[in-house]
Protein backbone atom coordinates (compact mmCIF):
# COMPACT_ATOMS: atom_id res chain seq x y z
CA MET A 1 51.30 32.73 35.68
CA VAL A 2 49.44 35.95 34.78
CA ILE A 3 51.53 36.24 31.60
CA SER A 4 50.59 32.68 30.62
CA LEU A 5 46.92 33.47 31.15
CA VAL A 6 47.18 36.61 28.98
CA VAL A 7 48.94 34.64 26.21
CA ILE A 8 46.22 31.96 26.27
CA ILE A 9 43.43 34.56 26.15
CA LEU A 10 45.14 36.35 23.25
CA ALA A 11 45.58 33.07 21.35
CA ALA A 12 41.91 32.21 21.90
CA GLY A 13 40.93 35.69 20.68
CA VAL A 14 42.96 35.28 17.49
CA VAL A 15 41.36 31.89 16.80
CA TYR A 16 37.90 33.38 17.40
CA LEU A 17 38.59 36.17 14.89
CA PHE A 18 39.55 33.72 12.13
CA VAL A 19 36.63 31.31 12.60
CA PRO A 20 33.63 32.35 10.44
CA HIS A 21 30.54 33.39 12.40
CA ASP A 22 27.56 33.66 10.07
CA ASP A 23 24.58 33.06 12.32
CA LYS A 24 22.15 34.32 9.67
CA LYS A 25 23.07 31.64 7.14
CA ASP A 26 20.71 28.67 6.85
CA PRO A 27 22.50 25.64 8.37
CA VAL A 28 20.59 23.23 6.09
CA LYS A 29 22.60 22.29 3.02
CA PRO A 30 20.21 21.13 0.28
CA VAL A 31 21.31 18.20 -1.88
CA GLY A 32 20.34 17.21 -5.40
CA TYR A 33 18.84 13.78 -5.85
CA ARG A 34 18.04 13.45 -9.55
CA VAL A 35 20.97 11.13 -10.34
CA GLU A 36 20.39 8.90 -7.30
CA LEU A 37 16.67 8.72 -8.08
CA ALA A 38 17.30 7.66 -11.69
CA SER A 39 19.82 5.04 -10.55
CA ALA A 40 17.50 3.69 -7.85
CA ARG A 41 14.59 3.48 -10.30
CA ARG A 42 16.71 1.41 -12.68
CA ALA A 43 18.05 -0.88 -9.95
CA ALA A 44 15.26 -1.34 -7.40
CA PRO A 45 12.94 -4.35 -7.61
CA TYR A 46 9.98 -2.06 -6.82
CA PRO A 47 8.78 1.33 -8.12
CA VAL A 48 10.81 4.01 -6.28
CA ALA A 49 8.84 6.99 -4.93
CA ALA A 50 9.84 10.65 -5.07
CA PRO A 51 7.75 13.79 -4.62
CA TYR A 52 6.48 15.95 -7.47
CA GLY A 53 4.84 19.33 -7.06
CA LEU A 54 6.14 20.30 -3.62
CA SER A 55 7.15 23.92 -3.12
CA ASP A 56 10.84 24.75 -3.19
CA ARG A 57 10.62 25.39 0.55
CA TRP A 58 10.88 21.59 0.93
CA ARG A 59 14.65 21.06 0.85
CA ALA A 60 16.17 17.65 0.14
CA THR A 61 18.90 17.00 2.70
CA SER A 62 19.86 13.34 2.22
CA VAL A 63 19.49 10.62 -0.37
CA ARG A 64 20.68 7.03 -0.74
CA TYR A 65 19.78 3.70 -2.28
CA LYS A 66 21.28 0.46 -1.00
CA ALA A 67 20.49 -2.65 -3.01
CA ASP A 68 21.96 -4.96 -0.38
CA SER A 69 21.11 -3.36 2.95
CA PRO A 70 20.25 -5.62 5.92
CA LEU A 71 16.67 -4.37 5.47
CA GLY A 72 16.35 -5.30 1.79
CA SER A 73 16.74 -2.95 -1.14
CA ALA A 74 16.28 0.35 0.67
CA TRP A 75 15.55 3.84 -0.69
CA HIS A 76 15.85 6.95 1.49
CA LEU A 77 15.09 10.57 0.58
CA GLY A 78 15.18 13.06 3.47
CA PHE A 79 13.75 16.59 3.53
CA MET A 80 13.62 19.67 5.71
CA THR A 81 10.01 20.91 5.63
CA PRO A 82 8.97 24.56 5.29
CA ASP A 83 8.54 24.55 9.11
CA ASN A 84 12.12 23.24 9.56
CA GLU A 85 10.99 19.78 10.61
CA TYR A 86 12.45 16.54 9.25
CA ALA A 87 10.48 14.31 6.88
CA ALA A 88 11.70 11.36 4.83
CA VAL A 89 10.52 8.87 2.27
CA GLU A 90 11.73 5.36 3.08
CA GLN A 91 11.07 2.28 0.94
CA SER A 92 12.15 -1.34 1.06
CA ASP A 93 11.33 -4.81 -0.17
CA GLU A 94 12.25 -6.27 3.25
CA GLU A 95 10.55 -9.65 3.70
CA ARG A 96 9.45 -8.54 7.18
CA PRO A 97 8.10 -5.02 6.64
CA ALA A 98 7.46 -4.53 10.38
CA ARG A 99 11.22 -4.74 10.99
CA PHE A 100 11.91 -2.09 8.33
CA VAL A 101 9.15 0.21 9.66
CA ASP A 102 10.45 -0.14 13.22
CA ASP A 103 13.97 0.74 12.07
CA VAL A 104 13.15 3.82 9.95
CA THR A 105 10.58 5.21 12.42
CA GLN A 106 12.90 4.58 15.35
CA GLY A 107 10.38 2.47 17.21
CA ALA A 108 7.09 4.19 16.37
CA GLU A 109 3.99 2.12 17.20
CA LYS A 110 1.17 1.30 14.81
CA THR A 111 -2.09 3.06 15.68
CA ALA A 112 -5.67 2.22 14.74
CA LYS A 113 -5.92 5.49 12.79
CA LYS A 114 -5.78 5.65 9.02
CA GLN A 115 -5.14 8.71 6.90
CA ARG A 116 -6.44 9.01 3.35
CA VAL A 117 -3.89 10.69 1.10
CA ALA A 118 -4.47 11.22 -2.63
CA GLY A 119 -7.06 8.42 -2.63
CA ALA A 120 -4.83 5.90 -0.85
CA GLU A 121 -5.11 4.74 2.74
CA TRP A 122 -2.01 5.06 4.93
CA THR A 123 -1.63 3.70 8.46
CA ARG A 124 -0.50 6.14 11.13
CA TYR A 125 2.38 5.30 13.47
CA ARG A 126 3.27 7.35 16.57
CA GLY A 127 6.61 7.37 18.29
CA PRO A 128 8.67 9.26 20.83
CA LYS A 129 10.98 10.59 18.11
CA TYR A 130 9.23 10.12 14.74
CA ASP A 131 5.66 9.77 13.56
CA ALA A 132 4.93 8.03 10.27
CA LEU A 133 2.50 7.16 7.53
CA VAL A 134 2.97 3.61 6.25
CA ARG A 135 1.58 1.93 3.15
CA THR A 136 2.26 -1.50 1.69
CA ALA A 137 2.30 -1.81 -2.10
CA GLU A 138 -0.76 -3.43 -3.67
CA ASP A 139 1.36 -6.41 -4.75
CA GLY A 140 2.70 -6.72 -1.18
CA LYS A 141 6.30 -6.69 -2.37
CA SER A 142 7.39 -3.37 -0.88
CA VAL A 143 6.53 -0.88 1.84
CA THR A 144 6.64 2.91 1.73
CA VAL A 145 7.11 4.92 4.93
CA VAL A 146 6.84 8.70 5.18
CA THR A 147 8.35 9.51 8.56
CA GLY A 148 9.96 12.25 10.60
CA THR A 149 9.46 14.96 13.19
CA ALA A 150 6.97 16.76 10.94
CA ASP A 151 3.28 16.67 11.89
CA PHE A 152 0.82 14.35 10.15
CA GLN A 153 -0.41 17.20 7.93
CA GLN A 154 3.08 17.69 6.49
CA LEU A 155 3.76 13.96 6.33
CA GLY A 156 0.50 13.67 4.40
CA GLU A 157 1.55 16.49 2.07
CA LEU A 158 4.77 14.64 1.29
CA ALA A 159 2.97 11.30 0.88
CA GLY A 160 0.43 12.93 -1.45
CA ALA A 161 3.18 14.28 -3.68
CA LEU A 162 4.85 10.88 -4.16
CA ARG A 163 4.96 9.16 -7.51
CA ALA A 164 6.43 5.71 -7.69
CA GLU A 165 8.17 4.85 -10.94
CA SER A 166 10.45 2.08 -12.13
CA HIS A 167 12.44 4.51 -14.27
CA GLU A 168 13.01 8.28 -14.41
CA PRO A 169 9.94 10.04 -15.89
CA ALA A 170 10.25 12.79 -18.51
CA ASP A 171 9.61 15.64 -16.07
CA SER A 172 11.81 16.19 -13.06
CA PRO A 173 10.94 15.85 -9.36
CA SER A 174 9.84 18.79 -7.28
CA ALA A 175 11.75 20.42 -4.48
CA SER A 176 14.53 21.15 -6.90
CA SER A 177 16.85 23.39 -5.01
CA PRO A 178 19.55 25.48 -6.65
CA ALA A 179 21.89 22.57 -5.90
CA GLU A 180 19.46 20.25 -7.70
CA GLN A 181 19.33 22.45 -10.80
CA ALA A 182 23.10 22.81 -10.88
CA GLY A 183 23.54 19.15 -11.20
């Protein structure tokens, strides 16, 4: 029995030695989103928003566009903020925007507070997991939600950097990480 225990401990030690242990490495893996943004801007029935002018400390972590999602044509662009909080841009042409907002904010509730960002008025939502800034397009055909664990100041910074376009503009979006520049 003692021999078996020694063999198990030795085997576990060997496995431990061969598993990489780099605790200093940043666990966030930035992703490029230029291609997905260009595709979404060509395909979406609304102008798709992406940030311009953010520092490179904002790291894109997830991106997707689904033309036929259950919540309409949906655009998602997720970031890790400079303070290591999560923030995302979510857009949809869902016929019932409240359903989309509830889904992407994970149940955040609309508040009476408004936040002016870059000359536009956004409605604040508070939730147990995510807070959000929500704005309906002037034509009423789409909704933009900036949501996440980040505070309202950082959500406002992201919202203020957004530019909505129907096609890829000549200059490239901000927050271009090394992965973004590589392709």
